């Protein structure tokens, strides 16, 4: 095969052409890879949603059935054991003590609008204590107890601390403000939950029955390779 003779300038032009061609090929391959990725993701989502959507509906249906099954037991429990009707969690264990189910509700802190009146009274008293640097630092610390969370609510645990401070102070207006805050408390029920457990016959320890996607054990299929 005859060798092509090129000048230095022609060699430089050829190398630039080859680099540009390789760059375009790499860009095209990357574009194709991205398109392949998009197709794979779309297919995976479509196939997954086809089974996850009915699964979600089935979980909701079974949850309703389980809650309904225990309604009579909850009513009788209240009558027999004089349990408060507003109790937020219940546990039921079978006679053999091999399985148990927890039913309950998650509760978040909430307050009626009257809470603002109480907060105003407390702040008025607290801010009046700021006489020097030391007392101002204490005032800031106390006012932090009145800070709200992301939902705009006070933390019930902080209100308990305020009540203790009000009682220690002996100030009627401070105590009245805290009382208004406490009376404004109106907790919100967010979600109902069900937890199931079985007793390990060997160790006697209670083990949770996975009921959610997060808790369910994932067993990776073994490769044939």
Protein backbone atom coordinates (compact mmCIF):
# COMPACT_ATOMS: atom_id res chain seq x y z
CA UNK A 1 0.00 0.00 0.00
CA UNK A 2 1.31 3.38 -1.01
CA UNK A 3 1.92 5.81 1.80
CA UNK A 4 0.29 9.20 1.51
CA UNK A 5 2.78 11.97 1.76
CA UNK A 6 1.50 15.07 3.63
CA UNK A 7 3.06 18.33 4.43
CA UNK A 8 3.15 19.49 8.07
CA UNK A 9 0.25 21.83 7.38
CA UNK A 10 -1.79 19.03 5.77
CA UNK A 11 -1.00 16.73 8.70
CA UNK A 12 -2.23 19.35 11.15
CA UNK A 13 -5.45 19.82 9.17
CA UNK A 14 -5.99 16.06 9.05
CA UNK A 15 -5.49 15.69 12.81
CA UNK A 16 -7.96 18.51 13.47
CA UNK A 17 -10.48 16.86 11.15
CA UNK A 18 -10.04 13.51 12.92
CA UNK A 19 -10.46 15.06 16.37
CA UNK A 20 -13.58 16.91 15.26
CA UNK A 21 -15.00 13.71 13.78
CA UNK A 22 -14.31 11.78 17.02
CA UNK A 23 -15.90 14.59 19.02
CA UNK A 24 -19.06 14.45 16.91
CA UNK A 25 -19.19 10.66 17.19
CA UNK A 26 -18.85 10.85 20.99
CA UNK A 27 -21.58 13.49 21.14
CA UNK A 28 -23.89 11.33 19.02
CA UNK A 29 -23.21 8.27 21.18
CA UNK A 30 -23.93 10.29 24.33
CA UNK A 31 -27.18 11.53 22.79
CA UNK A 32 -28.22 7.99 21.88
CA UNK A 33 -27.36 6.81 25.41
CA UNK A 34 -29.56 9.55 26.88
CA UNK A 35 -32.42 8.58 24.60
CA UNK A 36 -32.01 4.92 25.58
CA UNK A 37 -32.04 5.95 29.24
CA UNK A 38 -35.26 7.95 28.78
CA UNK A 39 -36.96 4.99 27.11
CA UNK A 40 -35.83 2.60 29.87
CA UNK A 41 -37.07 4.96 32.61
CA UNK A 42 -40.43 5.51 30.88
CA UNK A 43 -40.93 1.76 30.49
CA UNK A 44 -39.88 1.05 34.10
CA UNK A 45 -42.25 3.71 35.45
CA UNK A 46 -45.13 2.55 33.27
CA UNK A 47 -44.69 -1.11 34.25
CA UNK A 48 -44.21 -0.25 37.94
CA UNK A 49 -47.25 2.03 38.14
CA UNK A 50 -49.34 -0.69 36.53
CA UNK A 51 -48.80 -2.86 39.62
CA UNK A 52 -48.25 -0.18 42.29
CA UNK A 53 -51.52 1.68 41.66
CA UNK A 54 -53.77 -1.35 42.23
CA UNK A 55 -51.54 -2.39 45.14
CA UNK A 56 -52.15 0.98 46.81
CA UNK A 57 -55.90 0.59 46.33
CA UNK A 58 -55.75 -2.93 47.77
CA UNK A 59 -53.78 -1.76 50.82
CA UNK A 60 -56.38 0.96 51.44
CA UNK A 61 -59.20 -1.58 51.14
CA UNK A 62 -57.57 -4.04 53.55
CA UNK A 63 -56.76 -1.22 55.99
CA UNK A 64 -60.43 -0.29 56.04
CA UNK A 65 -61.44 -3.90 56.63
CA UNK A 66 -58.99 -4.31 59.53
CA UNK A 67 -60.19 -1.09 61.17
CA UNK A 68 -63.80 -2.20 60.76
CA UNK A 69 -63.11 -5.62 62.30
CA UNK A 70 -61.88 -4.00 65.52
CA UNK A 71 -64.67 -1.45 65.92
CA UNK A 72 -66.81 -3.77 68.04
CA UNK A 73 -63.76 -4.83 70.07
CA UNK A 74 -62.87 -1.18 70.69
CA UNK A 75 -66.39 -0.42 71.85
CA UNK A 76 -66.44 -3.42 74.20
CA UNK A 77 -62.93 -2.58 75.45
CA UNK A 78 -64.15 0.84 76.50
CA UNK A 79 -67.10 -0.63 78.38
CA UNK A 80 -65.20 -3.43 80.12
CA UNK A 81 -61.97 -1.66 81.01
CA UNK A 82 -63.35 1.88 81.28
CA UNK A 83 -60.95 3.09 78.59
CA UNK A 84 -61.32 6.70 77.45
CA UNK A 85 -63.06 6.97 74.09
CA UNK A 86 -60.45 9.46 72.88
CA UNK A 87 -57.53 7.08 73.47
CA UNK A 88 -55.25 7.41 70.45
CA UNK A 89 -53.63 3.97 70.37
CA UNK A 90 -54.75 0.42 71.12
CA UNK A 91 -52.98 -2.93 71.16
CA UNK A 92 -54.73 -6.28 70.76
CA UNK A 93 -53.01 -9.62 71.45
CA UNK A 94 -54.44 -13.04 70.62
CA UNK A 95 -55.08 -15.62 73.36
CA UNK A 96 -52.03 -17.67 72.39
CA UNK A 97 -49.86 -14.55 72.63
CA UNK A 98 -48.35 -15.27 69.23
CA UNK A 99 -49.67 -12.27 67.32
CA UNK A 100 -50.74 -8.74 68.09
CA UNK A 101 -52.03 -5.71 66.24
CA UNK A 102 -51.59 -2.03 67.07
CA UNK A 103 -54.23 0.46 65.93
CA UNK A 104 -53.97 4.19 66.39
CA UNK A 105 -53.74 7.66 64.97
CA UNK A 106 -50.88 10.08 64.48
CA UNK A 107 -51.58 13.46 66.04
CA UNK A 108 -49.99 16.82 65.26
CA UNK A 109 -50.17 19.93 67.42
CA UNK A 110 -52.81 22.48 66.48
CA UNK A 111 -54.42 25.53 68.08
CA UNK A 112 -57.56 27.63 67.70
CA UNK A 113 -57.23 31.32 66.85
CA UNK A 114 -57.58 32.27 70.51
CA UNK A 115 -54.00 31.09 71.00
CA UNK A 116 -52.81 34.45 69.65
CA UNK A 117 -54.43 36.26 72.59
CA UNK A 118 -52.57 34.05 75.04
CA UNK A 119 -49.28 34.47 73.19
CA UNK A 120 -49.72 38.24 73.26
CA UNK A 121 -50.26 38.25 77.02
CA UNK A 122 -47.23 36.06 77.65
CA UNK A 123 -44.98 38.16 75.39
CA UNK A 124 -46.16 41.35 77.07
CA UNK A 125 -45.17 40.00 80.48
CA UNK A 126 -41.89 38.44 79.34
CA UNK A 127 -40.67 41.47 77.38
CA UNK A 128 -41.36 43.66 80.41
CA UNK A 129 -38.69 41.73 82.30
CA UNK A 130 -35.86 42.87 80.02
CA UNK A 131 -34.02 45.31 82.28
CA UNK A 132 -30.37 44.45 81.60
CA UNK A 133 -28.24 42.19 79.38
CA UNK A 134 -28.69 39.15 81.63
CA UNK A 135 -32.46 39.49 81.82
CA UNK A 136 -32.70 40.23 78.09
CA UNK A 137 -30.88 36.97 77.34
CA UNK A 138 -33.36 35.13 79.56
CA UNK A 139 -36.26 36.85 77.80
CA UNK A 140 -34.95 35.72 74.41
CA UNK A 141 -34.67 32.15 75.68
CA UNK A 142 -38.25 32.22 76.96
CA UNK A 143 -39.58 33.81 73.77
CA UNK A 144 -38.03 30.95 71.80
CA UNK A 145 -40.53 28.69 73.54
CA UNK A 146 -43.21 30.67 71.71
CA UNK A 147 -41.63 30.14 68.30
CA UNK A 148 -43.80 28.29 65.82
CA UNK A 149 -42.99 25.27 63.69
CA UNK A 150 -43.24 25.12 59.89
CA UNK A 151 -47.00 24.57 60.15
CA UNK A 152 -47.34 27.73 62.23
CA UNK A 153 -48.10 25.93 65.49
CA UNK A 154 -46.56 25.96 68.94
CA UNK A 155 -45.02 22.81 70.34
CA UNK A 156 -47.18 21.41 73.14
CA UNK A 157 -44.05 20.35 75.04
CA UNK A 158 -42.85 23.96 75.10
CA UNK A 159 -46.19 25.15 76.44
CA UNK A 160 -45.68 22.81 79.39
CA UNK A 161 -42.37 24.54 80.10
CA UNK A 162 -44.11 27.91 79.91
CA UNK A 163 -46.72 26.79 82.41
CA UNK A 164 -43.99 25.81 84.89
CA UNK A 165 -42.36 29.23 84.44
CA UNK A 166 -45.70 30.97 84.92
CA UNK A 167 -46.39 29.06 88.11
CA UNK A 168 -42.92 29.86 89.44
CA UNK A 169 -43.36 33.55 88.61
CA UNK A 170 -46.66 33.87 90.45
CA UNK A 171 -47.74 36.56 87.97
CA UNK A 172 -51.47 36.36 87.27
CA UNK A 173 -51.28 37.80 83.75
CA UNK A 174 -48.48 35.42 82.78
CA UNK A 175 -50.47 32.46 84.12
CA UNK A 176 -53.65 33.67 82.41
CA UNK A 177 -51.83 33.92 79.08
CA UNK A 178 -50.47 30.39 79.38
CA UNK A 179 -53.93 29.15 80.38
CA UNK A 180 -55.45 30.66 77.23
CA UNK A 181 -52.76 28.98 75.13
CA UNK A 182 -53.47 25.60 76.75
CA UNK A 183 -57.24 25.99 76.32
CA UNK A 184 -56.68 26.82 72.64
CA UNK A 185 -54.94 23.49 72.05
CA UNK A 186 -56.75 21.55 69.33
CA UNK A 187 -54.68 18.59 68.13
CA UNK A 188 -55.13 17.40 64.57
CA UNK A 189 -55.43 13.75 63.64
CA UNK A 190 -53.23 13.25 60.61
CA UNK A 191 -53.25 9.54 59.77
CA UNK A 192 -54.51 6.22 61.07
CA UNK A 193 -51.94 3.47 61.42
CA UNK A 194 -51.92 -0.31 61.72
CA UNK A 195 -48.91 -2.29 62.93
CA UNK A 196 -48.81 -6.07 63.09
CA UNK A 197 -46.36 -8.24 65.02
CA UNK A 198 -45.73 -11.95 65.46
CA UNK A 199 -43.74 -13.66 68.19
CA UNK A 200 -40.65 -15.58 67.19
CA UNK A 201 -41.24 -19.11 68.54
CA UNK A 202 -37.51 -19.60 69.14
CA UNK A 203 -36.51 -16.35 70.84
CA UNK A 204 -39.89 -15.16 72.06
CA UNK A 205 -39.17 -11.71 70.63
CA UNK A 206 -41.86 -9.76 68.81
CA UNK A 207 -41.15 -9.09 65.15
CA UNK A 208 -42.94 -6.61 62.93
CA UNK A 209 -44.88 -7.81 59.92
CA UNK A 210 -43.74 -5.53 57.06
CA UNK A 211 -46.80 -3.68 55.77
CA UNK A 212 -45.19 -0.98 53.65
CA UNK A 213 -42.83 -0.79 50.70
CA UNK A 214 -40.11 0.63 52.94
CA UNK A 215 -40.39 -2.12 55.55
CA UNK A 216 -40.88 -5.07 53.19
CA UNK A 217 -37.78 -7.23 52.78
CA UNK A 218 -36.36 -7.08 49.28
CA UNK A 219 -34.82 -10.31 48.07
CA UNK A 220 -32.62 -9.72 45.05
CA UNK A 221 -32.93 -12.41 42.40
CA UNK A 222 -29.76 -14.44 41.95
CA UNK A 223 -28.06 -14.16 38.60
CA UNK A 224 -27.66 -17.29 36.48
CA UNK A 225 -24.12 -16.22 35.60
